[in-house]
C-alpha cells in the first residue's frame, strides 16, 4: 500500500501547503490517482453537511473541514509564594499551531475575543 499525503500535491506557485503530512488517501494497488481539490477559507470547524458552496454533491466528495490553525493548547496555573502568607498565581500557556500563525499571535487574538465577549458584562 502507498499513503498519499499533502506533500505529494502539485499546487500553483501562489499556494503553500501548510501541513505537508496531512493524510489524503491510501492506495492498495498500482492505480493512478488523479483528483481535483477545492480550496476554501473559513473559520473553526465546518461539517461537510453544512457546506453549501459546492453546487453538485455528485461532483465532489464532501469532507469536514478544520480551518483552525490551533492544533493543541495546554495551560497550567503556577503558584508563586510572596512575602508572608501571600501567593501570586501565574498562568502559563503552551500553544501548538499548524505554522500559519504564531502561538503568540494566536494568544493575542484569543485574548481580544475573550475581552470582547466579557466586556458587556462590566456595564
PDB file of N, CA and C in Angstrom:
ATOM      1  N   UNK A   1       0.830  -1.205   0.000  1.00  0.00           N
ATOM      2  CA  UNK A   1       0.000   0.000   0.000  1.00  0.00           C
ATOM      3  C   UNK A   1       0.866   1.258   0.000  1.00  0.00           C
ATOM      4  N   UNK A   2       0.313   2.296  -0.587  1.00  0.00           N
ATOM      5  CA  UNK A   2       1.005   3.581  -0.659  1.00  0.00           C
ATOM      6  C   UNK A   2       0.111   4.662  -0.043  1.00  0.00           C
ATOM      7  N   UNK A   3       0.698   5.468   0.835  1.00  0.00           N
ATOM      8  CA  UNK A   3      -0.045   6.537   1.500  1.00  0.00           C
ATOM      9  C   UNK A   3       0.173   7.831   0.735  1.00  0.00           C
ATOM     10  N   UNK A   4      -0.913   8.514   0.428  1.00  0.00           N
ATOM     11  CA  UNK A   4      -0.848   9.809  -0.246  1.00  0.00           C
ATOM     12  C   UNK A   4      -1.014  10.899   0.804  1.00  0.00           C
ATOM     13  N   UNK A   5      -0.078  11.844   0.825  1.00  0.00           N
ATOM     14  CA  UNK A   5      -0.137  12.967   1.758  1.00  0.00           C
ATOM     15  C   UNK A   5      -0.139  14.274   0.967  1.00  0.00           C
ATOM     16  N   UNK A   6      -0.380  15.358   1.667  1.00  0.00           N
ATOM     17  CA  UNK A   6      -0.438  16.679   1.032  1.00  0.00           C
ATOM     18  C   UNK A   6       0.901  17.076   0.413  1.00  0.00           C
ATOM     19  N   UNK A   7       1.976  16.494   0.886  1.00  0.00           N
ATOM     20  CA  UNK A   7       3.300  16.787   0.345  1.00  0.00           C
ATOM     21  C   UNK A   7       3.390  16.413  -1.141  1.00  0.00           C
ATOM     22  N   UNK A   8       2.584  15.463  -1.568  1.00  0.00           N
ATOM     23  CA  UNK A   8       2.620  14.991  -2.950  1.00  0.00           C
ATOM     24  C   UNK A   8       1.729  15.795  -3.892  1.00  0.00           C
ATOM     25  N   UNK A   9       1.004  16.763  -3.372  1.00  0.00           N
ATOM     26  CA  UNK A   9       0.129  17.580  -4.214  1.00  0.00           C
ATOM     27  C   UNK A   9       0.952  18.518  -5.090  1.00  0.00           C
ATOM     28  N   UNK A  10       0.509  18.691  -6.300  1.00  0.00           N
ATOM     29  CA  UNK A  10       1.114  19.670  -7.204  1.00  0.00           C
ATOM     30  C   UNK A  10       0.207  20.900  -7.155  1.00  0.00           C
ATOM     31  N   UNK A  11       0.740  21.998  -6.645  1.00  0.00           N
ATOM     32  CA  UNK A  11      -0.066  23.201  -6.444  1.00  0.00           C
ATOM     33  C   UNK A  11       0.515  24.369  -7.227  1.00  0.00           C
ATOM     34  N   UNK A  12      -0.308  25.377  -7.524  1.00  0.00           N
ATOM     35  CA  UNK A  12       0.208  26.594  -8.156  1.00  0.00           C
ATOM     36  C   UNK A  12       1.219  27.277  -7.243  1.00  0.00           C
ATOM     37  N   UNK A  13       2.085  28.077  -7.808  1.00  0.00           N
ATOM     38  CA  UNK A  13       3.176  28.699  -7.041  1.00  0.00           C
ATOM     39  C   UNK A  13       2.678  29.656  -5.958  1.00  0.00           C
ATOM     40  N   UNK A  14       1.470  30.200  -6.099  1.00  0.00           N
ATOM     41  CA  UNK A  14       0.967  31.149  -5.103  1.00  0.00           C
ATOM     42  C   UNK A  14       0.292  30.458  -3.910  1.00  0.00           C
ATOM     43  N   UNK A  15       0.233  29.129  -3.926  1.00  0.00           N
ATOM     44  CA  UNK A  15      -0.347  28.388  -2.807  1.00  0.00           C
ATOM     45  C   UNK A  15       0.745  27.653  -2.051  1.00  0.00           C
ATOM     46  N   UNK A  16       0.581  27.588  -0.718  1.00  0.00           N
ATOM     47  CA  UNK A  16       1.522  26.863   0.125  1.00  0.00           C
ATOM     48  C   UNK A  16       0.756  25.823   0.930  1.00  0.00           C
ATOM     49  N   UNK A  17       1.244  24.602   0.925  1.00  0.00           N
ATOM     50  CA  UNK A  17       0.663  23.551   1.749  1.00  0.00           C
ATOM     51  C   UNK A  17       1.255  23.710   3.142  1.00  0.00           C
ATOM     52  N   UNK A  18       0.418  24.014   4.116  1.00  0.00           N
ATOM     53  CA  UNK A  18       0.899  24.261   5.477  1.00  0.00           C
ATOM     54  C   UNK A  18       1.255  22.953   6.161  1.00  0.00           C
ATOM     55  N   UNK A  19       0.367  21.981   6.096  1.00  0.00           N
ATOM     56  CA  UNK A  19       0.609  20.691   6.749  1.00  0.00           C
ATOM     57  C   UNK A  19       0.918  19.651   5.678  1.00  0.00           C
ATOM     58  N   UNK A  20       2.184  19.498   5.357  1.00  0.00           N
ATOM     59  CA  UNK A  20       2.605  18.574   4.308  1.00  0.00           C
ATOM     60  C   UNK A  20       2.364  17.107   4.672  1.00  0.00           C
ATOM     61  N   UNK A  21       2.186  16.813   5.962  1.00  0.00           N
ATOM     62  CA  UNK A  21       1.955  15.440   6.404  1.00  0.00           C
ATOM     63  C   UNK A  21       0.472  15.073   6.417  1.00  0.00           C
ATOM     64  N   UNK A  22      -0.410  15.990   6.014  1.00  0.00           N
ATOM     65  CA  UNK A  22      -1.853  15.730   6.031  1.00  0.00           C
ATOM     66  C   UNK A  22      -2.187  14.500   5.191  1.00  0.00           C
ATOM     67  N   UNK A  23      -2.788  13.523   5.821  1.00  0.00           N
ATOM     68  CA  UNK A  23      -3.191  12.287   5.139  1.00  0.00           C
ATOM     69  C   UNK A  23      -4.318  12.582   4.157  1.00  0.00           C
ATOM     70  N   UNK A  24      -4.220  11.997   2.952  1.00  0.00           N
ATOM     71  CA  UNK A  24      -5.278  12.158   1.958  1.00  0.00           C
ATOM     72  C   UNK A  24      -5.932  10.819   1.630  1.00  0.00           C
ATOM     73  N   UNK A  25      -5.109   9.810   1.344  1.00  0.00           N
ATOM     74  CA  UNK A  25      -5.669   8.510   0.968  1.00  0.00           C
ATOM     75  C   UNK A  25      -4.593   7.435   1.051  1.00  0.00           C
ATOM     76  N   UNK A  26      -5.051   6.197   0.987  1.00  0.00           N
ATOM     77  CA  UNK A  26      -4.154   5.049   0.877  1.00  0.00           C
ATOM     78  C   UNK A  26      -4.565   4.270  -0.359  1.00  0.00           C
ATOM     79  N   UNK A  27      -3.581   3.955  -1.198  1.00  0.00           N
ATOM     80  CA  UNK A  27      -3.821   3.191  -2.419  1.00  0.00           C
ATOM     81  C   UNK A  27      -3.212   1.811  -2.217  1.00  0.00           C
ATOM     82  N   UNK A  28      -3.984   0.763  -2.499  1.00  0.00           N
ATOM     83  CA  UNK A  28      -3.518  -0.600  -2.238  1.00  0.00           C
ATOM     84  C   UNK A  28      -3.014  -1.328  -3.478  1.00  0.00           C
ATOM     85  N   UNK A  29      -3.050  -0.672  -4.638  1.00  0.00           N
ATOM     86  CA  UNK A  29      -2.502  -1.314  -5.835  1.00  0.00           C
ATOM     87  C   UNK A  29      -1.796  -0.260  -6.680  1.00  0.00           C
ATOM     88  N   UNK A  30      -1.500  -0.559  -7.913  1.00  0.00           N
ATOM     89  CA  UNK A  30      -0.747   0.376  -8.753  1.00  0.00           C
ATOM     90  C   UNK A  30      -1.658   1.310  -9.546  1.00  0.00           C
ATOM     91  N   UNK A  31      -2.756   1.711  -8.971  1.00  0.00           N
ATOM     92  CA  UNK A  31      -3.716   2.594  -9.616  1.00  0.00           C
ATOM     93  C   UNK A  31      -3.170   4.016  -9.692  1.00  0.00           C
ATOM     94  N   UNK A  32      -3.398   4.674 -10.808  1.00  0.00           N
ATOM     95  CA  UNK A  32      -3.044   6.080 -10.964  1.00  0.00           C
ATOM     96  C   UNK A  32      -4.135   6.906 -10.272  1.00  0.00           C
ATOM     97  N   UNK A  33      -3.740   7.782  -9.397  1.00  0.00           N
ATOM     98  CA  UNK A  33      -4.695   8.605  -8.658  1.00  0.00           C
ATOM     99  C   UNK A  33      -4.630  10.019  -9.194  1.00  0.00           C
ATOM    100  N   UNK A  34      -5.772  10.504  -9.641  1.00  0.00           N
ATOM    101  CA  UNK A  34      -5.870  11.879 -10.117  1.00  0.00           C
ATOM    102  C   UNK A  34      -7.102  12.485  -9.450  1.00  0.00           C
ATOM    103  N   UNK A  35      -6.916  13.644  -8.804  1.00  0.00           N
ATOM    104  CA  UNK A  35      -8.050  14.274  -8.129  1.00  0.00           C
ATOM    105  C   UNK A  35      -7.952  15.789  -8.243  1.00  0.00           C
ATOM    106  N   UNK A  36      -9.091  16.404  -8.128  1.00  0.00           N
ATOM    107  CA  UNK A  36      -9.179  17.862  -8.130  1.00  0.00           C
ATOM    108  C   UNK A  36      -9.694  18.267  -6.754  1.00  0.00           C
ATOM    109  N   UNK A  37      -9.008  19.224  -6.134  1.00  0.00           N
ATOM    110  CA  UNK A  37      -9.384  19.667  -4.800  1.00  0.00           C
ATOM    111  C   UNK A  37      -9.972  21.063  -4.855  1.00  0.00           C
ATOM    112  N   UNK A  38     -10.938  21.312  -4.013  1.00  0.00           N
ATOM    113  CA  UNK A  38     -11.496  22.648  -3.878  1.00  0.00           C
ATOM    114  C   UNK A  38     -10.945  23.241  -2.586  1.00  0.00           C
ATOM    115  N   UNK A  39     -10.282  24.379  -2.682  1.00  0.00           N
ATOM    116  CA  UNK A  39      -9.651  25.004  -1.531  1.00  0.00           C
ATOM    117  C   UNK A  39     -10.484  26.203  -1.111  1.00  0.00           C
ATOM    118  N   UNK A  40     -10.774  26.276   0.183  1.00  0.00           N
ATOM    119  CA  UNK A  40     -11.599  27.363   0.714  1.00  0.00           C
ATOM    120  C   UNK A  40     -10.965  27.955   1.960  1.00  0.00           C
ATOM    121  N   UNK A  41     -11.379  29.164   2.279  1.00  0.00           N
ATOM    122  CA  UNK A  41     -11.032  29.809   3.541  1.00  0.00           C
ATOM    123  C   UNK A  41     -12.215  29.654   4.473  1.00  0.00           C
ATOM    124  N   UNK A  42     -11.939  29.645   5.762  1.00  0.00           N
ATOM    125  CA  UNK A  42     -13.028  29.555   6.716  1.00  0.00           C
ATOM    126  C   UNK A  42     -12.521  29.747   8.123  1.00  0.00           C
ATOM    127  N   UNK A  43     -13.428  29.588   9.072  1.00  0.00           N
ATOM    128  CA  UNK A  43     -13.094  29.695  10.491  1.00  0.00           C
ATOM    129  C   UNK A  43     -13.655  28.499  11.215  1.00  0.00           C
ATOM    130  N   UNK A  44     -12.907  28.033  12.218  1.00  0.00           N
ATOM    131  CA  UNK A  44     -13.396  26.959  13.073  1.00  0.00           C
ATOM    132  C   UNK A  44     -13.513  25.632  12.358  1.00  0.00           C
ATOM    133  N   UNK A  45     -14.569  24.903  12.684  1.00  0.00           N
ATOM    134  CA  UNK A  45     -14.806  23.563  12.142  1.00  0.00           C
ATOM    135  C   UNK A  45     -16.095  23.598  11.340  1.00  0.00           C
ATOM    136  N   UNK A  46     -16.088  23.021  10.159  1.00  0.00           N
ATOM    137  CA  UNK A  46     -17.276  23.023   9.298  1.00  0.00           C
ATOM    138  C   UNK A  46     -17.601  21.586   8.888  1.00  0.00           C
ATOM    139  N   UNK A  47     -18.804  21.127   9.212  1.00  0.00           N
ATOM    140  CA  UNK A  47     -19.232  19.800   8.804  1.00  0.00           C
ATOM    141  C   UNK A  47     -19.511  19.794   7.304  1.00  0.00           C
ATOM    142  N   UNK A  48     -19.232  18.690   6.652  1.00  0.00           N
ATOM    143  CA  UNK A  48     -19.475  18.573   5.212  1.00  0.00           C
ATOM    144  C   UNK A  48     -20.931  18.855   4.877  1.00  0.00           C
ATOM    145  N   UNK A  49     -21.837  18.436   5.744  1.00  0.00           N
ATOM    146  CA  UNK A  49     -23.271  18.637   5.503  1.00  0.00           C
ATOM    147  C   UNK A  49     -23.671  20.110   5.554  1.00  0.00           C
ATOM    148  N   UNK A  50     -22.833  20.958   6.186  1.00  0.00           N
ATOM    149  CA  UNK A  50     -23.122  22.394   6.278  1.00  0.00           C
ATOM    150  C   UNK A  50     -22.567  23.176   5.096  1.00  0.00           C
ATOM    151  N   UNK A  51     -21.730  22.545   4.283  1.00  0.00           N
ATOM    152  CA  UNK A  51     -21.077  23.235   3.173  1.00  0.00           C
ATOM    153  C   UNK A  51     -22.046  23.334   1.997  1.00  0.00           C
ATOM    154  N   UNK A  52     -22.456  24.555   1.677  1.00  0.00           N
ATOM    155  CA  UNK A  52     -23.399  24.769   0.583  1.00  0.00           C
ATOM    156  C   UNK A  52     -22.733  25.428  -0.620  1.00  0.00           C
ATOM    157  N   UNK A  53     -21.405  25.553  -0.600  1.00  0.00           N
ATOM    158  CA  UNK A  53     -20.721  26.261  -1.684  1.00  0.00           C
ATOM    159  C   UNK A  53     -20.539  25.403  -2.935  1.00  0.00           C
ATOM    160  N   UNK A  54     -20.624  24.086  -2.807  1.00  0.00           N
ATOM    161  CA  UNK A  54     -20.492  23.205  -3.967  1.00  0.00           C
ATOM    162  C   UNK A  54     -21.869  22.979  -4.555  1.00  0.00           C
ATOM    163  N   UNK A  55     -22.010  23.264  -5.856  1.00  0.00           N
ATOM    164  CA  UNK A  55     -23.332  23.213  -6.484  1.00  0.00           C
ATOM    165  C   UNK A  55     -23.876  21.794  -6.600  1.00  0.00           C
ATOM    166  N   UNK A  56     -23.023  20.842  -6.955  1.00  0.00           N
ATOM    167  CA  UNK A  56     -23.487  19.472  -7.122  1.00  0.00           C
ATOM    168  C   UNK A  56     -22.652  18.545  -6.261  1.00  0.00           C
ATOM    169  N   UNK A  57     -23.273  17.897  -5.309  1.00  0.00           N
ATOM    170  CA  UNK A  57     -22.543  16.989  -4.421  1.00  0.00           C
ATOM    171  C   UNK A  57     -22.075  15.742  -5.153  1.00  0.00           C
ATOM    172  N   UNK A  58     -22.638  15.466  -6.349  1.00  0.00           N
ATOM    173  CA  UNK A  58     -22.209  14.305  -7.126  1.00  0.00           C
ATOM    174  C   UNK A  58     -20.806  14.495  -7.680  1.00  0.00           C
ATOM    175  N   UNK A  59     -20.375  15.743  -7.824  1.00  0.00           N
ATOM    176  CA  UNK A  59     -19.072  16.030  -8.424  1.00  0.00           C
ATOM    177  C   UNK A  59     -17.940  16.011  -7.412  1.00  0.00           C
ATOM    178  N   UNK A  60     -18.259  16.105  -6.117  1.00  0.00           N
ATOM    179  CA  UNK A  60     -17.225  16.222  -5.089  1.00  0.00           C
ATOM    180  C   UNK A  60     -17.510  15.280  -3.927  1.00  0.00           C
ATOM    181  N   UNK A  61     -16.444  14.771  -3.360  1.00  0.00           N
ATOM    182  CA  UNK A  61     -16.551  14.026  -2.110  1.00  0.00           C
ATOM    183  C   UNK A  61     -16.415  15.053  -0.997  1.00  0.00           C
ATOM    184  N   UNK A  62     -17.508  15.322  -0.332  1.00  0.00           N
ATOM    185  CA  UNK A  62     -17.519  16.348   0.704  1.00  0.00           C
ATOM    186  C   UNK A  62     -16.910  15.772   1.985  1.00  0.00           C
ATOM    187  N   UNK A  63     -16.014  16.540   2.601  1.00  0.00           N
ATOM    188  CA  UNK A  63     -15.407  16.134   3.874  1.00  0.00           C
ATOM    189  C   UNK A  63     -15.511  17.300   4.858  1.00  0.00           C
ATOM    190  N   UNK A  64     -15.475  16.993   6.139  1.00  0.00           N
ATOM    191  CA  UNK A  64     -15.461  18.033   7.153  1.00  0.00           C
ATOM    192  C   UNK A  64     -14.169  18.843   7.002  1.00  0.00           C
ATOM    193  N   UNK A  65     -14.238  20.106   7.393  1.00  0.00           N
ATOM    194  CA  UNK A  65     -13.070  20.981   7.270  1.00  0.00           C
ATOM    195  C   UNK A  65     -12.732  21.603   8.612  1.00  0.00           C
ATOM    196  N   UNK A  66     -11.472  21.524   8.984  1.00  0.00           N
ATOM    197  CA  UNK A  66     -10.986  22.165  10.205  1.00  0.00           C
ATOM    198  C   UNK A  66     -10.118  23.344   9.790  1.00  0.00           C
ATOM    199  N   UNK A  67     -10.669  24.556   9.890  1.00  0.00           N
ATOM    200  CA  UNK A  67      -9.963  25.760   9.463  1.00  0.00           C
ATOM    201  C   UNK A  67      -9.109  26.361  10.575  1.00  0.00           C
ATOM    202  N   UNK A  68      -9.186  25.821  11.770  1.00  0.00           N
ATOM    203  CA  UNK A  68      -8.454  26.394  12.895  1.00  0.00           C
ATOM    204  C   UNK A  68      -6.960  26.112  12.777  1.00  0.00           C
ATOM    205  N   UNK A  69      -6.135  27.144  12.909  1.00  0.00           N
ATOM    206  CA  UNK A  69      -4.687  26.922  12.866  1.00  0.00           C
ATOM    207  C   UNK A  69      -4.139  26.388  14.192  1.00  0.00           C
ATOM    208  N   UNK A  70      -4.986  26.327  15.214  1.00  0.00           N
ATOM    209  CA  UNK A  70      -4.558  25.862  16.532  1.00  0.00           C
ATOM    210  C   UNK A  70      -4.704  24.345  16.594  1.00  0.00           C
ATOM    211  N   UNK A  71      -3.624  23.663  16.913  1.00  0.00           N
ATOM    212  CA  UNK A  71      -3.639  22.203  16.977  1.00  0.00           C
ATOM    213  C   UNK A  71      -3.839  21.688  18.405  1.00  0.00           C
ATOM    214  N   UNK A  72      -3.266  22.400  19.374  1.00  0.00           N
ATOM    215  CA  UNK A  72      -3.344  21.924  20.760  1.00  0.00           C
ATOM    216  C   UNK A  72      -3.021  23.070  21.699  1.00  0.00           C
ATOM    217  N   UNK A  73      -3.693  23.083  22.861  1.00  0.00           N
ATOM    218  CA  UNK A  73      -3.422  24.091  23.887  1.00  0.00           C
ATOM    219  C   UNK A  73      -3.427  23.419  25.251  1.00  0.00           C
ATOM    220  N   UNK A  74      -2.417  23.720  26.045  1.00  0.00           N
ATOM    221  CA  UNK A  74      -2.367  23.313  27.455  1.00  0.00           C
ATOM    222  C   UNK A  74      -2.225  24.574  28.291  1.00  0.00           C
ATOM    223  N   UNK A  75      -2.724  24.523  29.494  1.00  0.00           N
ATOM    224  CA  UNK A  75      -2.478  25.627  30.407  1.00  0.00           C
ATOM    225  C   UNK A  75      -2.242  25.068  31.801  1.00  0.00           C
ATOM    226  N   UNK A  76      -1.501  25.819  32.584  1.00  0.00           N
ATOM    227  CA  UNK A  76      -1.308  25.458  33.989  1.00  0.00           C
ATOM    228  C   UNK A  76      -1.216  26.726  34.816  1.00  0.00           C
ATOM    229  N   UNK A  77      -1.623  26.604  36.033  1.00  0.00           N
ATOM    230  CA  UNK A  77      -1.548  27.725  36.969  1.00  0.00           C
ATOM    231  C   UNK A  77      -0.425  27.419  37.945  1.00  0.00           C
ATOM    232  N   UNK A  78       0.544  28.302  37.976  1.00  0.00           N
ATOM    233  CA  UNK A  78       1.700  28.126  38.856  1.00  0.00           C
ATOM    234  C   UNK A  78       1.541  29.066  40.042  1.00  0.00           C
ATOM    235  N   UNK A  79       1.695  28.541  41.232  1.00  0.00           N
ATOM    236  CA  UNK A  79       1.594  29.347  42.446  1.00  0.00           C
ATOM    237  C   UNK A  79       2.974  29.881  42.807  1.00  0.00           C
ATOM    238  N   UNK A  80       3.054  31.199  42.973  1.00  0.00           N
ATOM    239  CA  UNK A  80       4.314  31.852  43.314  1.00  0.00           C
ATOM    240  C   UNK A  80       4.196  32.447  44.706  1.00  0.00           C
ATOM    241  N   UNK A  81       4.926  31.904  45.677  1.00  0.00           N
ATOM    242  CA  UNK A  81       4.846  32.456  47.040  1.00  0.00           C
ATOM    243  C   UNK A  81       5.479  33.839  47.109  1.00  0.00           C
ATOM    244  N   UNK A  82       4.821  34.738  47.827  1.00  0.00           N
ATOM    245  CA  UNK A  82       5.326  36.091  48.061  1.00  0.00           C
ATOM    246  C   UNK A  82       5.685  36.222  49.540  1.00  0.00           C
ATOM    247  N   UNK A  83       5.993  37.424  49.958  1.00  0.00           N
ATOM    248  CA  UNK A  83       6.301  37.665  51.382  1.00  0.00           C
ATOM    249  C   UNK A  83       5.097  37.323  52.251  1.00  0.00           C
ATOM    250  N   UNK A  84       5.348  36.735  53.383  1.00  0.00           N
ATOM    251  CA  UNK A  84       4.266  36.410  54.318  1.00  0.00           C
ATOM    252  C   UNK A  84       3.447  35.242  53.816  1.00  0.00           C
ATOM    253  N   UNK A  85       2.131  35.368  53.962  1.00  0.00           N
ATOM    254  CA  UNK A  85       1.216  34.304  53.551  1.00  0.00           C
ATOM    255  C   UNK A  85       0.622  34.534  52.168  1.00  0.00           C
ATOM    256  N   UNK A  86       1.094  35.517  51.456  1.00  0.00           N
ATOM    257  CA  UNK A  86       0.519  35.840  50.151  1.00  0.00           C
ATOM    258  C   UNK A  86       1.061  34.910  49.064  1.00  0.00           C
ATOM    259  N   UNK A  87       0.176  34.608  48.123  1.00  0.00           N
ATOM    260  CA  UNK A  87       0.544  33.772  46.979  1.00  0.00           C
ATOM    261  C   UNK A  87       0.054  34.455  45.712  1.00  0.00           C
ATOM    262  N   UNK A  88       0.903  34.509  44.729  1.00  0.00           N
ATOM    263  CA  UNK A  88       0.547  35.071  43.426  1.00  0.00           C
ATOM    264  C   UNK A  88       0.392  33.914  42.443  1.00  0.00           C
ATOM    265  N   UNK A  89      -0.583  34.002  41.566  1.00  0.00           N
ATOM    266  CA  UNK A  89      -0.801  32.959  40.572  1.00  0.00           C
ATOM    267  C   UNK A  89      -0.256  33.408  39.229  1.00  0.00           C
ATOM    268  N   UNK A  90       0.343  32.489  38.511  1.00  0.00           N
ATOM    269  CA  UNK A  90       0.865  32.750  37.178  1.00  0.00           C
ATOM    270  C   UNK A  90       0.214  31.767  36.212  1.00  0.00           C
ATOM    271  N   UNK A  91      -0.327  32.267  35.121  1.00  0.00           N
ATOM    272  CA  UNK A  91      -0.991  31.434  34.123  1.00  0.00           C
ATOM    273  C   UNK A  91      -0.013  31.167  32.987  1.00  0.00           C
ATOM    274  N   UNK A  92       0.235  29.898  32.701  1.00  0.00           N
ATOM    275  CA  UNK A  92       1.198  29.509  31.670  1.00  0.00           C
ATOM    276  C   UNK A  92       0.458  28.755  30.564  1.00  0.00           C
ATOM    277  N   UNK A  93       0.624  29.213  29.324  1.00  0.00           N
ATOM    278  CA  UNK A  93       0.011  28.566  28.163  1.00  0.00           C
ATOM    279  C   UNK A  93       1.075  27.867  27.333  1.00  0.00           C
ATOM    280  N   UNK A  94       0.735  26.692  26.818  1.00  0.00           N
ATOM    281  CA  UNK A  94       1.513  26.015  25.785  1.00  0.00           C
ATOM    282  C   UNK A  94       0.591  25.920  24.578  1.00  0.00           C
ATOM    283  N   UNK A  95       1.029  26.474  23.445  1.00  0.00           N
ATOM    284  CA  UNK A  95       0.172  26.536  22.262  1.00  0.00           C
ATOM    285  C   UNK A  95       0.919  25.954  21.067  1.00  0.00           C
ATOM    286  N   UNK A  96       0.280  24.994  20.389  1.00  0.00           N
ATOM    287  CA  UNK A  96       0.818  24.416  19.163  1.00  0.00           C
ATOM    288  C   UNK A  96      -0.077  24.852  18.007  1.00  0.00           C
ATOM    289  N   UNK A  97       0.535  25.297  16.909  1.00  0.00           N
ATOM    290  CA  UNK A  97      -0.229  25.728  15.735  1.00  0.00           C
ATOM    291  C   UNK A  97       0.224  24.938  14.509  1.00  0.00           C
ATOM    292  N   UNK A  98      -0.468  25.164  13.390  1.00  0.00           N
ATOM    293  CA  UNK A  98      -0.079  24.492  12.148  1.00  0.00           C
ATOM    294  C   UNK A  98       1.006  25.252  11.391  1.00  0.00           C
ATOM    295  N   UNK A  99       1.501  26.344  11.954  1.00  0.00           N
ATOM    296  CA  UNK A  99       2.561  27.120  11.318  1.00  0.00           C
ATOM    297  C   UNK A  99       2.065  28.321  10.538  1.00  0.00           C
ATOM    298  N   UNK A 100       0.760  28.420  10.311  1.00  0.00           N
ATOM    299  CA  UNK A 100       0.234  29.565   9.575  1.00  0.00           C
ATOM    300  C   UNK A 100       0.052  30.786  10.478  1.00  0.00           C
ATOM    301  N   UNK A 101       0.180  30.599  11.779  1.00  0.00           N
ATOM    302  CA  UNK A 101       0.075  31.672  12.760  1.00  0.00           C
ATOM    303  C   UNK A 101       1.019  31.300  13.912  1.00  0.00           C
ATOM    304  N   UNK A 102       1.604  32.304  14.549  1.00  0.00           N
ATOM    305  CA  UNK A 102       2.493  32.013  15.673  1.00  0.00           C
ATOM    306  C   UNK A 102       1.662  31.801  16.942  1.00  0.00           C
ATOM    307  N   UNK A 103       2.185  31.051  17.895  1.00  0.00           N
ATOM    308  CA  UNK A 103       1.461  30.885  19.168  1.00  0.00           C
ATOM    309  C   UNK A 103       1.192  32.231  19.851  1.00  0.00           C
ATOM    310  N   UNK A 104       2.158  33.159  19.782  1.00  0.00           N
ATOM    311  CA  UNK A 104       1.970  34.469  20.409  1.00  0.00           C
ATOM    312  C   UNK A 104       0.811  35.223  19.764  1.00  0.00           C
ATOM    313  N   UNK A 105       0.742  35.189  18.441  1.00  0.00           N
ATOM    314  CA  UNK A 105      -0.359  35.885  17.749  1.00  0.00           C
ATOM    315  C   UNK A 105      -1.699  35.225  18.069  1.00  0.00           C
ATOM    316  N   UNK A 106      -1.723  33.897  18.146  1.00  0.00           N
ATOM    317  CA  UNK A 106      -2.981  33.214  18.454  1.00  0.00           C
ATOM    318  C   UNK A 106      -3.470  33.570  19.845  1.00  0.00           C
ATOM    319  N   UNK A 107      -2.548  33.693  20.805  1.00  0.00           N
ATOM    320  CA  UNK A 107      -2.931  34.083  22.169  1.00  0.00           C
ATOM    321  C   UNK A 107      -3.470  35.511  22.178  1.00  0.00           C
ATOM    322  N   UNK A 108      -2.840  36.382  21.413  1.00  0.00           N
ATOM    323  CA  UNK A 108      -3.294  37.778  21.332  1.00  0.00           C
ATOM    324  C   UNK A 108      -4.706  37.850  20.739  1.00  0.00           C
ATOM    325  N   UNK A 109      -4.946  37.128  19.657  1.00  0.00           N
ATOM    326  CA  UNK A 109      -6.271  37.134  19.018  1.00  0.00           C
ATOM    327  C   UNK A 109      -7.330  36.527  19.943  1.00  0.00           C
ATOM    328  N   UNK A 110      -6.993  35.438  20.620  1.00  0.00           N
ATOM    329  CA  UNK A 110      -7.939  34.805  21.546  1.00  0.00           C
ATOM    330  C   UNK A 110      -8.258  35.730  22.713  1.00  0.00           C
ATOM    331  N   UNK A 111      -7.248  36.465  23.183  1.00  0.00           N
ATOM    332  CA  UNK A 111      -7.464  37.410  24.285  1.00  0.00           C
ATOM    333  C   UNK A 111      -8.409  38.528  23.867  1.00  0.00           C
ATOM    334  N   UNK A 112      -8.245  39.022  22.644  1.00  0.00           N
ATOM    335  CA  UNK A 112      -9.148  40.066  22.134  1.00  0.00           C
ATOM    336  C   UNK A 112     -10.584  39.550  22.082  1.00  0.00           C
ATOM    337  N   UNK A 113     -10.751  38.317  21.578  1.00  0.00           N
ATOM    338  CA  UNK A 113     -12.097  37.739  21.500  1.00  0.00           C
ATOM    339  C   UNK A 113     -12.716  37.593  22.885  1.00  0.00           C
ATOM    340  N   UNK A 114     -11.946  37.099  23.836  1.00  0.00           N
ATOM    341  CA  UNK A 114     -12.455  36.915  25.194  1.00  0.00           C
ATOM    342  C   UNK A 114     -12.835  38.257  25.823  1.00  0.00           C
ATOM    343  N   UNK A 115     -11.998  39.271  25.619  1.00  0.00           N
ATOM    344  CA  UNK A 115     -12.301  40.598  26.174  1.00  0.00           C
ATOM    345  C   UNK A 115     -13.587  41.154  25.572  1.00  0.00           C
ATOM    346  N   UNK A 116     -13.780  40.977  24.274  1.00  0.00           N
ATOM    347  CA  UNK A 116     -14.997  41.464  23.622  1.00  0.00           C
ATOM    348  C   UNK A 116     -16.240  40.721  24.111  1.00  0.00           C
ATOM    349  N   UNK A 117     -16.083  39.441  24.448  1.00  0.00           N
ATOM    350  CA  UNK A 117     -17.219  38.676  24.954  1.00  0.00           C
ATOM    351  C   UNK A 117     -17.608  39.096  26.370  1.00  0.00           C
ATOM    352  N   UNK A 118     -16.613  39.378  27.215  1.00  0.00           N
ATOM    353  CA  UNK A 118     -16.889  39.684  28.615  1.00  0.00           C
ATOM    354  C   UNK A 118     -17.095  41.172  28.890  1.00  0.00           C
ATOM    355  N   UNK A 119     -16.667  42.047  28.001  1.00  0.00           N
ATOM    356  CA  UNK A 119     -16.785  43.474  28.220  1.00  0.00           C
ATOM    357  C   UNK A 119     -18.233  43.933  28.501  1.00  0.00           C
ATOM    358  N   UNK A 120     -19.236  43.413  27.751  1.00  0.00           N
ATOM    359  CA  UNK A 120     -20.623  43.844  28.037  1.00  0.00           C
ATOM    360  C   UNK A 120     -21.087  43.495  29.453  1.00  0.00           C
ATOM    361  N   UNK A 121     -20.492  42.505  30.078  1.00  0.00           N
ATOM    362  CA  UNK A 121     -20.892  42.132  31.440  1.00  0.00           C
ATOM    363  C   UNK A 121     -20.458  43.158  32.472  1.00  0.00           C
ATOM    364  N   UNK A 122     -19.492  44.006  32.141  1.00  0.00           N
ATOM    365  CA  UNK A 122     -18.998  45.003  33.072  1.00  0.00           C
ATOM    366  C   UNK A 122     -19.929  46.198  33.219  1.00  0.00           C
ATOM    367  N   UNK A 123     -20.801  46.427  32.250  1.00  0.00           N
ATOM    368  CA  UNK A 123     -21.681  47.596  32.336  1.00  0.00           C
ATOM    369  C   UNK A 123     -23.037  47.265  32.876  1.00  0.00           C
TER     370      UNK A 123
END
